[in-house]
Each structure stands twice: as structure tokens, then as C-alpha cells.
Amino acid sequence: MGKSDFLTPKAIANRIKSKGLQKLRWYCQMCQKQCRDENGFKCHCMSESHQRQLLLASENPQQFMDYFSEEFRNDFLELLRRRFGTKRVHNNIVYNEYISHREHIHMNATQWETLTDFTKWLGREGLCKVDETPKGWYIQYIDRDPETIRRQLELEKKKKQDLDDEEKTAKFIEEQVRRGLEGKEQETPVFTELSRENDEEKVTFNLNKGACSSAGTSSKSSSLGPSALKTLGSAASVKRKDSSQSSAQAKEKKKKKSALDEIMEIEEEKKRTSRTDHWLQPEIIVKIITKKLGDKYHKKKAIVKEVIDKYTAVVKMIDSGDKLKLDQTHLETVIPAPGGLILYHPSEQAI
């Protein structure tokens, strides 16, 4: 197998090793070659091509440095503009994303020694807004693209035009209101003093119908005699007392019974009226079938001592003598032993 075979294990391993970023100390910026180890970098420095590049750089070193600096600046700003826009971001975040590209320009080949120097230079040149914080330096790209500036001017012009339209509309409405008021004479209210010709006369006001009706009622009441005013006043006071008493009684009833209590009472009344299958009778033996009372009373026999509302019974336990108040649904009848007594329900017929 040939040495330069593309699919040999060694060639594949070399390609895998050459992927991604490697150590900066073994990178030659002049030749733009990345070496994998110290021995490879040493061999590269002794090569004829590297020596020829050094001779070219020694003739005009400033030109090469300016070229690399310009490339680094353009690529960095392009990434900042495209990736982050005009957002405020930490400079180290942008730099880490920039150097993740394998073919990037290294800062060692530029005029800036550190990222902080480059950030300060961007601020001095007006390319970015920079500010120093306890967490480091932050940068914000200043978009000076003519298209962007034109778009911003259009937006500002549109906002100004909208404000002008609103002001024009407000002025037009004010003008219309002023013209409408000019055609009508404004009625000035006349204030009169409350006075009574007779001490026994009462002045009444009807606030429900407005000022005109109150004036009318006052004039009518003044035309009536003192006896009519007395009767009217006594009737109004009686009505007020009756209404206050009825409202107080209604409030007390509402306070006593809430809406939930009323609903529960209605539901219970419906159940009482709808159920007709009552069978509870005093002095009969029943069995407790509910498990809510525990194993102490479950499946135990008791004697009905009292029946309440046809469906509720007060029972006495045969074993312990305890008295319980249970609903009919929690009980069942007991079949007596042969020869025992049976109580028939009035609605049923004995066979």
C-alpha cells in the first residue's frame, strides 16, 4: 500500500488530528500552517518555504502587520454585527466564537497584544460602544450602514408624522367645540337664597328628577297650606320608617341564612318530598351496613327506638347499648328466626 494512500489508517488519523483547534505556539501566521507538535513546528521553521516568507516579511514588516490587523478587525466586526447585532455583549464571548474558526487570524500577528487593548481601540475609533464592569469589558456594535441609517430616519419621520396628525386632530376638535359654543349663549346659573315666609312651612327637595323638578316641587309646596305640608311630612316619615324596618329585617334574614344554606335546605326538602320508600318503624331490629362508623358497629344489630322524618332513626346497639342516629340507607332489615315475630308495612299485604 502506498504511503500517500488517502484511506490508510495513518492518513485518516492525521486528518482527525488536524481537525479543530490546536496549540497556538505551533502555528505559523506567515505561512498560515498549523503544526501538531514541537518537532513538526521545528521542521517547518527550517524549511525553505518558511525561510522565503521570513525574507519577504523582513523587507516590510509593518505592511504585513497592518494587513493581518485589518483582516482581524474586519472579521471580528463582521461576526459581531451578524451574530449579535447591536446587543451589548461580553468581548470574550465574541472572541471565543471568532477563534473557533480554524482559519482565523491570530491576535499575535496583529498590532494588539491583548483582547482588552483591541476592545479599547474599538471604543476610541468609534466602531463600538465599550464599557468596563467588574465582570470585564462589554462591547456594543454601532451600525453605520447607510441602509440601516435610512431605515431609522424613515421610522423617526413616521413617528413624527403620527404625532403631528394627532396634534392636528386635537386642534380641529377644539376648533369645532369653540365654534359650537359661539353660536349658543351660555346659561349662567342663578343662585337664590333659601327663605321661608312662614316658620311652619317646610322646604322639600326632589333630588331624583333634577333641579327643575325640585324647583317645581318647592314652588308647589310653598303654595300649599301648613296643614297639607304637615300631612305630607308625616306620610313621608312613616314611609321611611316602614322601608327602613323592612330593609333591616331583610338584611337580618340574609345574614342568618347564606346562599349555600338555602340551597342545601332546598335540596333536602326535595329529597324528603320525592322519597316514598320509608320502612323504619319503632321497636324493630335492624342491622348497620355502613362502614363509616368503623368495625365496632359494622354488621351489628340494633333496635330502633325513635323514627325522625320517616327516614332517620335513633337506634340502640344490642351488644354495647350505645345510641346512634342513622339514616335509613345505612340500615337494613333483619330476618327473624323461625317462629319469630314479623312487622308488616301498611302498604304491603301479608301472604
Protein backbone atom coordinates (compact mmCIF):
# COMPACT_ATOMS: atom_id res chain seq x y z
CA MET A 1 0.00 0.00 0.00
CA GLY A 2 1.40 3.39 -1.00
CA LYS A 3 2.49 5.92 1.52
CA SER A 4 0.22 8.64 0.16
CA ASP A 5 -2.90 6.49 0.10
CA PHE A 6 -5.92 8.53 1.20
CA LEU A 7 -7.67 5.66 3.02
CA THR A 8 -4.75 4.32 5.03
CA PRO A 9 -5.19 4.29 8.82
CA LYS A 10 -2.33 6.71 9.22
CA ALA A 11 -3.79 9.19 6.76
CA ILE A 12 -7.20 9.00 8.43
CA ALA A 13 -5.58 9.51 11.86
CA ASN A 14 -3.69 12.54 10.58
CA ARG A 15 -6.84 14.09 9.22
CA ILE A 16 -8.67 13.50 12.51
CA LYS A 17 -5.80 15.10 14.43
CA SER A 18 -5.69 18.10 12.14
CA LYS A 19 -9.39 18.87 12.73
CA GLY A 20 -10.39 21.59 15.16
CA LEU A 21 -8.16 23.97 17.08
CA GLN A 22 -4.64 23.13 18.13
CA LYS A 23 -1.92 24.85 20.13
CA LEU A 24 -1.20 28.42 19.14
CA ARG A 25 2.50 28.07 19.88
CA TRP A 26 2.89 25.71 16.93
CA TYR A 27 1.10 27.94 14.41
CA CYS A 28 2.97 29.93 11.75
CA GLN A 29 0.97 33.02 10.70
CA MET A 30 3.25 33.90 7.79
CA CYS A 31 2.79 30.52 6.18
CA GLN A 32 -0.68 30.00 7.74
CA LYS A 33 0.34 26.49 8.77
CA GLN A 34 -0.64 24.66 11.95
CA CYS A 35 1.81 22.07 13.27
CA ARG A 36 0.68 19.30 15.60
CA ASP A 37 3.74 19.10 17.84
CA GLU A 38 7.01 20.80 18.64
CA ASN A 39 9.06 18.62 16.30
CA GLY A 40 6.79 19.43 13.37
CA PHE A 41 6.97 23.14 14.09
CA LYS A 42 10.78 22.94 14.29
CA CYS A 43 10.95 21.17 10.94
CA HIS A 44 8.66 23.78 9.42
CA CYS A 45 10.82 26.65 10.68
CA MET A 46 13.86 25.00 8.98
CA SER A 47 12.04 24.52 5.70
CA GLU A 48 12.87 26.55 2.58
CA SER A 49 9.34 27.95 2.15
CA HIS A 50 9.29 29.35 5.68
CA GLN A 51 12.68 30.97 5.21
CA ARG A 52 11.49 32.57 1.98
CA GLN A 53 8.42 34.03 3.77
CA LEU A 54 10.63 35.44 6.52
CA LEU A 55 12.77 37.19 3.93
CA LEU A 56 9.67 38.77 2.38
CA ALA A 57 8.37 39.89 5.79
CA SER A 58 11.72 41.36 6.83
CA GLU A 59 11.67 43.74 3.87
CA ASN A 60 8.47 45.49 5.04
CA PRO A 61 7.23 44.09 8.40
CA GLN A 62 4.75 46.94 9.04
CA GLN A 63 2.87 46.18 5.85
CA PHE A 64 2.29 42.56 6.89
CA MET A 65 1.22 43.55 10.40
CA ASP A 66 -1.23 46.13 9.05
CA TYR A 67 -2.67 43.55 6.68
CA PHE A 68 -3.21 40.98 9.45
CA SER A 69 -4.61 43.66 11.79
CA GLU A 70 -7.12 44.82 9.18
CA GLU A 71 -8.23 41.25 8.45
CA PHE A 72 -8.64 40.51 12.16
CA ARG A 73 -10.65 43.69 12.72
CA ASN A 74 -12.94 43.13 9.71
CA ASP A 75 -13.65 39.50 10.61
CA PHE A 76 -14.26 40.33 14.27
CA LEU A 77 -16.67 43.19 13.48
CA GLU A 78 -18.47 41.13 10.85
CA LEU A 79 -19.06 38.36 13.37
CA LEU A 80 -20.22 40.89 15.99
CA ARG A 81 -22.63 42.52 13.53
CA ARG A 82 -24.03 39.30 12.08
CA ARG A 83 -24.20 37.23 15.27
CA PHE A 84 -25.11 39.77 17.96
CA GLY A 85 -26.31 42.86 16.07
CA THR A 86 -26.49 45.95 18.26
CA LYS A 87 -26.82 43.98 21.51
CA ARG A 88 -24.47 44.59 24.43
CA VAL A 89 -22.26 41.51 24.85
CA HIS A 90 -19.08 40.49 26.66
CA ASN A 91 -16.00 40.81 24.44
CA ASN A 92 -14.66 37.40 25.49
CA ILE A 93 -17.82 35.68 24.21
CA VAL A 94 -17.35 37.21 20.76
CA TYR A 95 -13.63 36.38 20.73
CA ASN A 96 -14.19 32.73 21.71
CA GLU A 97 -16.69 32.36 18.88
CA TYR A 98 -14.28 34.04 16.48
CA ILE A 99 -11.31 31.79 17.26
CA SER A 100 -13.45 28.66 16.96
CA HIS A 101 -12.98 29.02 13.21
CA ARG A 102 -9.89 27.10 12.17
CA GLU A 103 -8.60 29.59 9.59
CA HIS A 104 -8.91 32.73 11.75
CA ILE A 105 -6.24 35.41 12.04
CA HIS A 106 -4.36 35.07 15.32
CA MET A 107 -4.02 38.10 17.54
CA ASN A 108 -0.25 37.51 17.86
CA ALA A 109 0.13 38.64 14.26
CA THR A 110 -1.75 41.94 14.80
CA GLN A 111 -0.83 45.26 16.38
CA TRP A 112 -2.81 44.46 19.52
CA GLU A 113 -1.21 42.36 22.21
CA THR A 114 -4.36 41.55 24.24
CA LEU A 115 -8.11 41.48 23.74
CA THR A 116 -8.50 44.37 26.19
CA ASP A 117 -6.24 46.57 24.04
CA PHE A 118 -8.29 45.67 20.97
CA THR A 119 -11.55 46.47 22.82
CA LYS A 120 -10.23 49.88 23.93
CA TRP A 121 -9.11 50.61 20.37
CA LEU A 122 -12.62 49.82 19.06
CA GLY A 123 -14.04 52.34 21.53
CA ARG A 124 -11.56 55.04 20.59
CA GLU A 125 -12.21 54.59 16.88
CA GLY A 126 -15.98 54.82 17.42
CA LEU A 127 -16.66 51.41 15.93
CA CYS A 128 -18.29 50.07 19.10
CA LYS A 129 -19.61 51.29 22.42
CA VAL A 130 -17.40 49.82 25.16
CA ASP A 131 -17.77 49.90 28.93
CA GLU A 132 -15.82 48.26 31.73
CA THR A 133 -17.62 46.37 34.50
CA PRO A 134 -16.44 44.16 37.40
CA LYS A 135 -17.16 41.20 35.12
CA GLY A 136 -14.98 42.52 32.29
CA TRP A 137 -15.34 44.58 29.14
CA TYR A 138 -18.62 44.76 27.24
CA ILE A 139 -18.98 45.91 23.64
CA GLN A 140 -21.95 47.02 21.53
CA TYR A 141 -21.76 47.32 17.78
CA ILE A 142 -22.61 50.69 16.20
CA ASP A 143 -24.38 50.05 12.92
CA ARG A 144 -23.30 52.72 10.42
CA ASP A 145 -24.72 51.01 7.35
CA PRO A 146 -26.39 53.61 5.04
CA GLU A 147 -29.40 51.33 4.57
CA THR A 148 -29.86 50.98 8.32
CA ILE A 149 -29.47 54.71 8.88
CA ARG A 150 -32.03 55.41 6.14
CA ARG A 151 -34.47 52.95 7.71
CA GLN A 152 -34.06 54.57 11.14
CA LEU A 153 -34.66 58.02 9.65
CA GLU A 154 -37.82 56.77 7.98
CA LEU A 155 -39.11 55.35 11.27
CA GLU A 156 -38.39 58.61 13.10
CA LYS A 157 -40.09 60.58 10.31
CA LYS A 158 -43.15 58.32 10.51
CA LYS A 159 -43.38 58.72 14.30
CA LYS A 160 -43.11 62.49 13.96
CA GLN A 161 -45.81 62.48 11.29
CA ASP A 162 -48.13 60.42 13.51
CA LEU A 163 -47.62 62.89 16.35
CA ASP A 164 -48.33 65.80 14.02
CA ASP A 165 -51.53 64.12 12.83
CA GLU A 166 -52.68 63.62 16.43
CA GLU A 167 -51.97 67.26 17.24
CA LYS A 168 -53.84 68.41 14.14
CA THR A 169 -56.83 66.23 15.07
CA ALA A 170 -56.85 67.61 18.62
CA LYS A 171 -56.70 71.20 17.35
CA PHE A 172 -59.50 70.51 14.87
CA ILE A 173 -61.72 69.10 17.64
CA GLU A 174 -61.01 72.13 19.84
CA GLU A 175 -61.88 74.46 16.98
CA GLN A 176 -65.17 72.64 16.38
CA VAL A 177 -66.05 72.84 20.06
CA ARG A 178 -65.24 76.55 20.14
CA ARG A 179 -67.42 77.24 17.08
CA GLY A 180 -70.29 75.26 18.59
CA LEU A 181 -70.11 77.28 21.80
CA GLU A 182 -70.03 80.58 19.94
CA GLY A 183 -73.49 80.01 18.41
CA LYS A 184 -75.13 79.34 21.78
CA GLU A 185 -75.38 81.64 24.73
CA GLN A 186 -74.09 80.00 27.83
CA GLU A 187 -76.67 79.97 30.57
CA THR A 188 -75.23 81.24 33.80
CA PRO A 189 -76.76 79.59 36.87
CA VAL A 190 -78.73 81.89 39.17
CA PHE A 191 -78.23 81.24 42.85
CA THR A 192 -81.13 82.11 45.15
CA GLU A 193 -81.29 82.21 48.90
CA LEU A 194 -83.42 79.69 50.77
CA SER A 195 -86.07 81.62 52.65
CA ARG A 196 -89.40 80.81 54.27
CA GLU A 197 -92.28 83.20 54.62
CA ASN A 198 -93.79 81.17 57.43
CA ASP A 199 -91.92 79.35 60.20
CA GLU A 200 -94.24 76.36 59.99
CA GLU A 201 -93.64 75.96 56.24
CA LYS A 202 -91.22 73.16 55.17
CA VAL A 203 -88.94 73.33 52.16
CA THR A 204 -88.84 69.99 50.26
CA PHE A 205 -86.43 68.84 47.55
CA ASN A 206 -86.94 66.08 44.98
CA LEU A 207 -83.39 65.01 44.08
CA ASN A 208 -84.45 62.18 41.76
CA LYS A 209 -85.81 64.42 38.99
CA GLY A 210 -83.14 67.10 38.83
CA ALA A 211 -83.04 70.78 39.61
CA CYS A 212 -86.07 71.73 37.52
CA SER A 213 -88.40 69.29 39.25
CA SER A 214 -87.04 70.29 42.66
CA ALA A 215 -87.80 73.92 41.90
CA GLY A 216 -91.29 72.97 40.79
CA THR A 217 -91.99 70.95 43.90
CA SER A 218 -90.67 73.72 46.11
CA SER A 219 -92.98 76.20 44.42
CA LYS A 220 -95.95 73.80 44.77
CA SER A 221 -95.19 73.13 48.39
CA SER A 222 -94.94 76.82 49.08
CA SER A 223 -98.39 77.33 47.53
CA LEU A 224 -99.92 74.65 49.83
CA GLY A 225 -101.03 75.49 53.32
CA PRO A 226 -99.24 74.50 56.52
CA SER A 227 -101.67 71.68 57.29
CA ALA A 228 -101.03 69.99 53.91
CA LEU A 229 -97.29 70.24 54.49
CA LYS A 230 -97.69 68.58 57.88
CA THR A 231 -99.65 65.67 56.42
CA LEU A 232 -97.13 65.23 53.62
CA GLY A 233 -94.24 65.28 56.05
CA SER A 234 -95.87 62.73 58.39
CA ALA A 235 -96.69 60.38 55.48
CA ALA A 236 -93.11 60.59 54.18
CA SER A 237 -91.68 59.88 57.64
CA VAL A 238 -93.99 56.83 58.04
CA LYS A 239 -92.88 55.52 54.64
CA ARG A 240 -89.23 55.99 55.53
CA LYS A 241 -89.68 54.11 58.82
CA ASP A 242 -91.50 51.22 57.11
CA SER A 243 -88.88 50.97 54.37
CA SER A 244 -86.02 51.11 56.91
CA GLN A 245 -87.64 48.41 59.07
CA SER A 246 -88.30 46.13 56.10
CA SER A 247 -84.75 46.59 54.78
CA ALA A 248 -83.32 45.86 58.25
CA GLN A 249 -85.41 42.69 58.53
CA ALA A 250 -84.33 41.57 55.06
CA LYS A 251 -80.67 42.17 55.94
CA GLU A 252 -81.03 40.15 59.15
CA LYS A 253 -82.59 37.26 57.23
CA LYS A 254 -79.80 37.37 54.67
CA LYS A 255 -77.21 37.39 57.42
CA LYS A 256 -78.82 34.46 59.19
CA LYS A 257 -79.04 32.28 56.08
CA SER A 258 -76.39 32.27 53.44
CA ALA A 259 -76.93 31.19 49.84
CA LEU A 260 -75.26 27.81 50.44
CA ASP A 261 -77.52 27.07 53.41
CA GLU A 262 -80.61 27.92 51.39
CA ILE A 263 -79.52 25.62 48.54
CA MET A 264 -78.85 22.78 50.99
CA GLU A 265 -82.26 23.24 52.57
CA ILE A 266 -83.96 23.21 49.17
CA GLU A 267 -82.12 20.01 48.19
CA GLU A 268 -83.05 18.30 51.45
CA GLU A 269 -86.68 19.32 51.02
CA LYS A 270 -86.69 17.89 47.51
CA LYS A 271 -85.27 14.61 48.78
CA ARG A 272 -87.87 14.42 51.53
CA THR A 273 -90.77 15.06 49.17
CA SER A 274 -89.51 12.73 46.43
CA ARG A 275 -88.70 9.68 48.63
CA THR A 276 -91.61 7.34 49.42
CA ASP A 277 -89.77 4.13 50.24
CA HIS A 278 -89.57 4.59 54.02
CA TRP A 279 -89.78 1.40 56.11
CA LEU A 280 -88.42 2.39 59.51
CA GLN A 281 -90.70 1.52 62.41
CA PRO A 282 -90.10 1.73 66.16
CA GLU A 283 -89.06 -1.39 68.13
CA ILE A 284 -87.82 -3.34 65.09
CA ILE A 285 -84.41 -4.96 64.87
CA VAL A 286 -82.09 -3.65 62.11
CA LYS A 287 -78.50 -4.22 61.04
CA ILE A 288 -75.93 -1.43 60.43
CA ILE A 289 -74.39 -1.79 56.97
CA THR A 290 -72.29 1.40 56.70
CA LYS A 291 -68.51 1.16 57.17
CA LYS A 292 -68.08 4.83 58.07
CA LEU A 293 -68.61 4.08 61.78
CA GLY A 294 -65.82 1.51 61.90
CA ASP A 295 -65.69 -2.21 62.59
CA LYS A 296 -67.21 -1.68 66.04
CA TYR A 297 -70.69 -1.10 64.58
CA HIS A 298 -70.40 -2.64 61.12
CA LYS A 299 -72.78 -5.63 60.66
CA LYS A 300 -74.03 -5.22 64.23
CA LYS A 301 -77.70 -5.41 65.26
CA ALA A 302 -79.64 -2.64 66.93
CA ILE A 303 -83.20 -1.77 68.00
CA VAL A 304 -85.00 1.26 66.56
CA LYS A 305 -86.06 3.47 69.45
CA GLU A 306 -87.32 6.54 67.58
CA VAL A 307 -88.11 7.46 63.95
CA ILE A 308 -87.43 11.04 62.80
CA ASP A 309 -88.85 12.37 59.50
CA LYS A 310 -89.61 8.83 58.29
CA TYR A 311 -86.03 8.27 57.06
CA THR A 312 -83.89 8.84 60.15
CA ALA A 313 -83.84 6.63 63.22
CA VAL A 314 -82.31 6.64 66.69
CA VAL A 315 -81.09 3.09 67.29
CA LYS A 316 -79.72 1.35 70.38
CA MET A 317 -77.00 -1.25 69.95
CA ILE A 318 -77.91 -4.66 71.34
CA ASP A 319 -74.35 -5.53 72.35
CA SER A 320 -72.99 -2.30 73.82
CA GLY A 321 -76.16 -0.31 74.44
CA ASP A 322 -74.81 2.74 72.51
CA LYS A 323 -77.33 5.03 70.88
CA LEU A 324 -76.76 6.22 67.31
CA LYS A 325 -78.68 8.46 64.91
CA LEU A 326 -78.55 6.93 61.41
CA ASP A 327 -80.22 7.36 58.05
CA GLN A 328 -82.35 4.60 56.52
CA THR A 329 -79.71 4.00 53.78
CA HIS A 330 -77.20 2.92 56.47
CA LEU A 331 -79.53 0.23 57.84
CA GLU A 332 -81.16 -2.95 56.63
CA THR A 333 -83.90 -5.20 57.95
CA VAL A 334 -83.17 -8.44 59.80
CA ILE A 335 -84.97 -11.69 59.00
CA PRO A 336 -86.05 -13.22 62.32
CA ALA A 337 -85.52 -16.82 63.30
CA PRO A 338 -88.27 -19.34 62.50
CA GLY A 339 -91.22 -18.69 64.75
CA GLY A 340 -90.25 -15.06 65.41
CA LEU A 341 -92.49 -12.02 65.04
CA ILE A 342 -92.65 -10.03 61.75
CA LEU A 343 -93.87 -6.46 61.34
CA TYR A 344 -95.62 -5.79 58.03
CA HIS A 345 -95.54 -2.36 56.38
CA PRO A 346 -99.04 -0.78 55.99
CA SER A 347 -98.59 -0.55 52.22
CA GLU A 348 -97.84 -4.28 51.93
CA GLN A 349 -100.10 -7.32 52.28
CA ALA A 350 -99.21 -10.42 54.29
CA ILE A 351 -99.08 -13.68 52.39
